[in-house]
Amino acid sequence: MAISAVSNSTSGTTQATAQSDASSLDMNDFFVLMAAQLQNQSMYDPVDNSEFIAQMAQFSTLTQMEALTRSFASNYSVSLIGKTVNVQTTDDSGTVTTATGTVDKVNFKSGAAYVVVDGVEYETSAVTQVTSTQTETPVEDTTEEGTP
């Protein structure tokens, strides 16, 4: 029965990152984890380099997909400017409130987009319905009578 050594090492950068945002990891966190894995690997069963390359590629792809998602969300929020929307919010007591108004502008805070509807700021995810406020002008029929 093989017993591998276990060590309890913590770097200051890992603690700072975990305290700043425990729900997300970045590439630096990946490299810290990779270094810890290399330091604590068994000399009788080393980790294959191709596994590290595959993990790094997967992490890079995930990071790019998250950035793309944030970009799409920002573009969606900006596309709501000038449109009439219904916004639904729930307060602490569970009461659901629906407001209708025109999106005046979009504010960005900490990477998240917030729509401003009639002077009140809402999360973009609170938008439940979108209606175009542009009125269509009727097109006049310029064909002469009797012509197909």
C-alpha atoms as a PDB file:
ATOM      1  CA  MET A   1       0.000   0.000   0.000  1.00  0.00           C
ATOM      2  CA  ALA A   2       1.561   3.273  -1.157  1.00  0.00           C
ATOM      3  CA  ILE A   3       1.223   6.340   1.015  1.00  0.00           C
ATOM      4  CA  SER A   4       1.820   9.709  -0.534  1.00  0.00           C
ATOM      5  CA  ALA A   5       2.902  12.798   1.347  1.00  0.00           C
ATOM      6  CA  VAL A   6       0.377  15.528   1.953  1.00  0.00           C
ATOM      7  CA  SER A   7       1.424  19.059   2.702  1.00  0.00           C
ATOM      8  CA  ASN A   8      -0.614  22.068   3.677  1.00  0.00           C
ATOM      9  CA  SER A   9       0.843  25.068   1.900  1.00  0.00           C
ATOM     10  CA  THR A  10      -0.988  28.278   1.144  1.00  0.00           C
ATOM     11  CA  SER A  11       0.329  31.199  -0.811  1.00  0.00           C
ATOM     12  CA  GLY A  12      -0.601  34.780  -0.008  1.00  0.00           C
ATOM     13  CA  THR A  13      -1.800  35.423  -3.556  1.00  0.00           C
ATOM     14  CA  THR A  14      -4.225  32.519  -3.389  1.00  0.00           C
ATOM     15  CA  GLN A  15      -5.684  33.835  -0.147  1.00  0.00           C
ATOM     16  CA  ALA A  16      -6.035  37.351  -1.548  1.00  0.00           C
ATOM     17  CA  THR A  17      -7.742  36.089  -4.684  1.00  0.00           C
ATOM     18  CA  ALA A  18     -10.098  33.863  -2.720  1.00  0.00           C
ATOM     19  CA  GLN A  19     -11.038  36.739  -0.446  1.00  0.00           C
ATOM     20  CA  SER A  20     -11.628  39.180  -3.301  1.00  0.00           C
ATOM     21  CA  ASP A  21     -13.941  36.913  -5.299  1.00  0.00           C
ATOM     22  CA  ALA A  22     -14.540  33.363  -4.131  1.00  0.00           C
ATOM     23  CA  SER A  23     -16.822  32.518  -7.060  1.00  0.00           C
ATOM     24  CA  SER A  24     -14.389  33.030  -9.933  1.00  0.00           C
ATOM     25  CA  LEU A  25     -10.945  31.830 -10.887  1.00  0.00           C
ATOM     26  CA  ASP A  26      -8.533  33.423 -13.307  1.00  0.00           C
ATOM     27  CA  MET A  27      -5.450  32.196 -15.114  1.00  0.00           C
ATOM     28  CA  ASN A  28      -3.194  33.110 -12.167  1.00  0.00           C
ATOM     29  CA  ASP A  29      -5.245  30.847  -9.908  1.00  0.00           C
ATOM     30  CA  PHE A  30      -4.842  28.059 -12.452  1.00  0.00           C
ATOM     31  CA  PHE A  31      -1.064  28.444 -12.430  1.00  0.00           C
ATOM     32  CA  VAL A  32      -0.991  28.476  -8.607  1.00  0.00           C
ATOM     33  CA  LEU A  33      -3.000  25.245  -8.568  1.00  0.00           C
ATOM     34  CA  MET A  34      -0.762  23.720 -11.233  1.00  0.00           C
ATOM     35  CA  ALA A  35       2.380  24.633  -9.245  1.00  0.00           C
ATOM     36  CA  ALA A  36       0.880  23.098  -6.092  1.00  0.00           C
ATOM     37  CA  GLN A  37       0.030  19.950  -8.021  1.00  0.00           C
ATOM     38  CA  LEU A  38       3.594  19.716  -9.347  1.00  0.00           C
ATOM     39  CA  GLN A  39       5.075  20.253  -5.884  1.00  0.00           C
ATOM     40  CA  ASN A  40       2.865  17.602  -4.315  1.00  0.00           C
ATOM     41  CA  GLN A  41       2.989  14.941  -7.010  1.00  0.00           C
ATOM     42  CA  SER A  42       4.377  11.529  -6.240  1.00  0.00           C
ATOM     43  CA  MET A  43       7.801  10.863  -7.678  1.00  0.00           C
ATOM     44  CA  TYR A  44       6.626   7.324  -8.470  1.00  0.00           C
ATOM     45  CA  ASP A  45       3.606   8.528 -10.452  1.00  0.00           C
ATOM     46  CA  PRO A  46       4.372  11.916 -12.065  1.00  0.00           C
ATOM     47  CA  VAL A  47       1.661  13.859 -13.842  1.00  0.00           C
ATOM     48  CA  ASP A  48       1.780  13.768 -17.629  1.00  0.00           C
ATOM     49  CA  ASN A  49       2.641  17.116 -19.306  1.00  0.00           C
ATOM     50  CA  SER A  50      -0.094  16.626 -21.885  1.00  0.00           C
ATOM     51  CA  GLU A  51      -2.657  16.689 -19.050  1.00  0.00           C
ATOM     52  CA  PHE A  52      -1.432  20.139 -18.032  1.00  0.00           C
ATOM     53  CA  ILE A  53      -1.613  21.401 -21.609  1.00  0.00           C
ATOM     54  CA  ALA A  54      -5.155  20.045 -21.971  1.00  0.00           C
ATOM     55  CA  GLN A  55      -6.224  21.632 -18.672  1.00  0.00           C
ATOM     56  CA  MET A  56      -4.712  24.972 -19.666  1.00  0.00           C
ATOM     57  CA  ALA A  57      -6.483  24.884 -23.036  1.00  0.00           C
ATOM     58  CA  GLN A  58      -9.803  24.069 -21.387  1.00  0.00           C
ATOM     59  CA  PHE A  59      -9.353  26.851 -18.844  1.00  0.00           C
ATOM     60  CA  SER A  60      -8.418  29.323 -21.574  1.00  0.00           C
ATOM     61  CA  THR A  61     -11.477  28.342 -23.608  1.00  0.00           C
ATOM     62  CA  LEU A  62     -13.731  28.744 -20.579  1.00  0.00           C
ATOM     63  CA  THR A  63     -12.274  32.175 -19.839  1.00  0.00           C
ATOM     64  CA  GLN A  64     -12.863  33.306 -23.430  1.00  0.00           C
ATOM     65  CA  MET A  65     -16.437  31.988 -23.378  1.00  0.00           C
ATOM     66  CA  GLU A  66     -17.151  33.917 -20.180  1.00  0.00           C
ATOM     67  CA  ALA A  67     -15.775  37.105 -21.750  1.00  0.00           C
ATOM     68  CA  LEU A  68     -17.928  36.535 -24.828  1.00  0.00           C
ATOM     69  CA  THR A  69     -21.010  36.021 -22.650  1.00  0.00           C
ATOM     70  CA  ARG A  70     -20.324  39.294 -20.806  1.00  0.00           C
ATOM     71  CA  SER A  71     -19.913  41.050 -24.161  1.00  0.00           C
ATOM     72  CA  PHE A  72     -23.231  39.691 -25.449  1.00  0.00           C
ATOM     73  CA  ALA A  73     -24.976  40.758 -22.229  1.00  0.00           C
ATOM     74  CA  SER A  74     -23.545  44.269 -22.568  1.00  0.00           C
ATOM     75  CA  ASN A  75     -24.629  44.505 -26.206  1.00  0.00           C
ATOM     76  CA  TYR A  76     -28.115  43.281 -25.313  1.00  0.00           C
ATOM     77  CA  SER A  77     -28.430  45.877 -22.559  1.00  0.00           C
ATOM     78  CA  VAL A  78     -27.333  48.695 -24.855  1.00  0.00           C
ATOM     79  CA  SER A  79     -29.783  47.520 -27.538  1.00  0.00           C
ATOM     80  CA  LEU A  80     -32.633  48.180 -25.081  1.00  0.00           C
ATOM     81  CA  ILE A  81     -32.008  51.945 -25.040  1.00  0.00           C
ATOM     82  CA  GLY A  82     -35.097  53.760 -26.318  1.00  0.00           C
ATOM     83  CA  LYS A  83     -37.334  50.695 -26.052  1.00  0.00           C
ATOM     84  CA  THR A  84     -40.259  50.202 -23.730  1.00  0.00           C
ATOM     85  CA  VAL A  85     -39.664  47.404 -21.234  1.00  0.00           C
ATOM     86  CA  ASN A  86     -41.424  45.664 -18.389  1.00  0.00           C
ATOM     87  CA  VAL A  87     -39.181  45.166 -15.385  1.00  0.00           C
ATOM     88  CA  GLN A  88     -40.038  42.769 -12.581  1.00  0.00           C
ATOM     89  CA  THR A  89     -38.425  42.976  -9.148  1.00  0.00           C
ATOM     90  CA  THR A  90     -38.970  41.126  -5.874  1.00  0.00           C
ATOM     91  CA  ASP A  91     -38.396  42.830  -2.536  1.00  0.00           C
ATOM     92  CA  ASP A  92     -37.200  41.217   0.707  1.00  0.00           C
ATOM     93  CA  SER A  93     -40.737  40.280   1.780  1.00  0.00           C
ATOM     94  CA  GLY A  94     -41.367  38.442  -1.512  1.00  0.00           C
ATOM     95  CA  THR A  95     -43.634  41.043  -3.070  1.00  0.00           C
ATOM     96  CA  VAL A  96     -43.286  41.138  -6.851  1.00  0.00           C
ATOM     97  CA  THR A  97     -43.418  44.572  -8.465  1.00  0.00           C
ATOM     98  CA  THR A  98     -43.680  45.202 -12.193  1.00  0.00           C
ATOM     99  CA  ALA A  99     -42.753  48.532 -13.736  1.00  0.00           C
ATOM    100  CA  THR A 100     -43.121  49.641 -17.343  1.00  0.00           C
ATOM    101  CA  GLY A 101     -41.119  52.408 -18.950  1.00  0.00           C
ATOM    102  CA  THR A 102     -38.575  53.434 -21.528  1.00  0.00           C
ATOM    103  CA  VAL A 103     -34.912  52.552 -21.107  1.00  0.00           C
ATOM    104  CA  ASP A 104     -33.094  55.878 -20.869  1.00  0.00           C
ATOM    105  CA  LYS A 105     -29.537  54.622 -20.520  1.00  0.00           C
ATOM    106  CA  VAL A 106     -27.361  51.718 -19.387  1.00  0.00           C
ATOM    107  CA  ASN A 107     -24.968  51.889 -16.437  1.00  0.00           C
ATOM    108  CA  PHE A 108     -22.047  49.496 -15.997  1.00  0.00           C
ATOM    109  CA  LYS A 109     -20.962  48.612 -12.462  1.00  0.00           C
ATOM    110  CA  SER A 110     -18.355  45.964 -11.675  1.00  0.00           C
ATOM    111  CA  GLY A 111     -18.710  44.502 -15.142  1.00  0.00           C
ATOM    112  CA  ALA A 112     -22.500  44.132 -14.928  1.00  0.00           C
ATOM    113  CA  ALA A 113     -24.990  46.137 -16.978  1.00  0.00           C
ATOM    114  CA  TYR A 114     -27.944  47.904 -15.390  1.00  0.00           C
ATOM    115  CA  VAL A 115     -30.769  49.482 -17.391  1.00  0.00           C
ATOM    116  CA  VAL A 116     -32.208  52.807 -16.251  1.00  0.00           C
ATOM    117  CA  VAL A 117     -35.964  52.866 -16.762  1.00  0.00           C
ATOM    118  CA  ASP A 118     -37.616  56.224 -16.133  1.00  0.00           C
ATOM    119  CA  GLY A 119     -34.789  57.223 -13.790  1.00  0.00           C
ATOM    120  CA  VAL A 120     -34.699  53.971 -11.781  1.00  0.00           C
ATOM    121  CA  GLU A 121     -31.829  51.496 -12.173  1.00  0.00           C
ATOM    122  CA  TYR A 122     -32.595  47.772 -12.636  1.00  0.00           C
ATOM    123  CA  GLU A 123     -30.510  44.693 -13.368  1.00  0.00           C
ATOM    124  CA  THR A 124     -30.795  43.713 -17.020  1.00  0.00           C
ATOM    125  CA  SER A 125     -31.975  40.260 -15.919  1.00  0.00           C
ATOM    126  CA  ALA A 126     -35.087  41.915 -14.415  1.00  0.00           C
ATOM    127  CA  VAL A 127     -36.377  42.825 -17.902  1.00  0.00           C
ATOM    128  CA  THR A 128     -39.327  40.548 -18.713  1.00  0.00           C
ATOM    129  CA  GLN A 129     -40.707  42.123 -21.891  1.00  0.00           C
ATOM    130  CA  VAL A 130     -39.375  44.426 -24.584  1.00  0.00           C
ATOM    131  CA  THR A 131     -41.507  46.520 -26.927  1.00  0.00           C
ATOM    132  CA  SER A 132     -40.209  48.737 -29.680  1.00  0.00           C
ATOM    133  CA  THR A 133     -41.310  52.353 -29.180  1.00  0.00           C
ATOM    134  CA  GLN A 134     -40.766  53.293 -32.801  1.00  0.00           C
ATOM    135  CA  THR A 135     -43.970  53.989 -34.649  1.00  0.00           C
ATOM    136  CA  GLU A 136     -44.207  52.724 -38.157  1.00  0.00           C
ATOM    137  CA  THR A 137     -45.318  55.222 -40.763  1.00  0.00           C
ATOM    138  CA  PRO A 138     -47.744  53.794 -43.278  1.00  0.00           C
ATOM    139  CA  VAL A 139     -46.381  53.395 -46.765  1.00  0.00           C
ATOM    140  CA  GLU A 140     -48.430  55.199 -49.374  1.00  0.00           C
ATOM    141  CA  ASP A 141     -49.552  53.259 -52.404  1.00  0.00           C
ATOM    142  CA  THR A 142     -48.026  55.175 -55.314  1.00  0.00           C
ATOM    143  CA  THR A 143     -49.216  52.834 -58.031  1.00  0.00           C
ATOM    144  CA  GLU A 144     -51.777  54.189 -60.410  1.00  0.00           C
ATOM    145  CA  GLU A 145     -55.199  52.682 -60.366  1.00  0.00           C
ATOM    146  CA  GLY A 146     -55.598  49.989 -62.915  1.00  0.00           C
ATOM    147  CA  THR A 147     -51.916  49.047 -63.115  1.00  0.00           C
ATOM    148  CA  PRO A 148     -50.884  45.709 -61.702  1.00  0.00           C
END
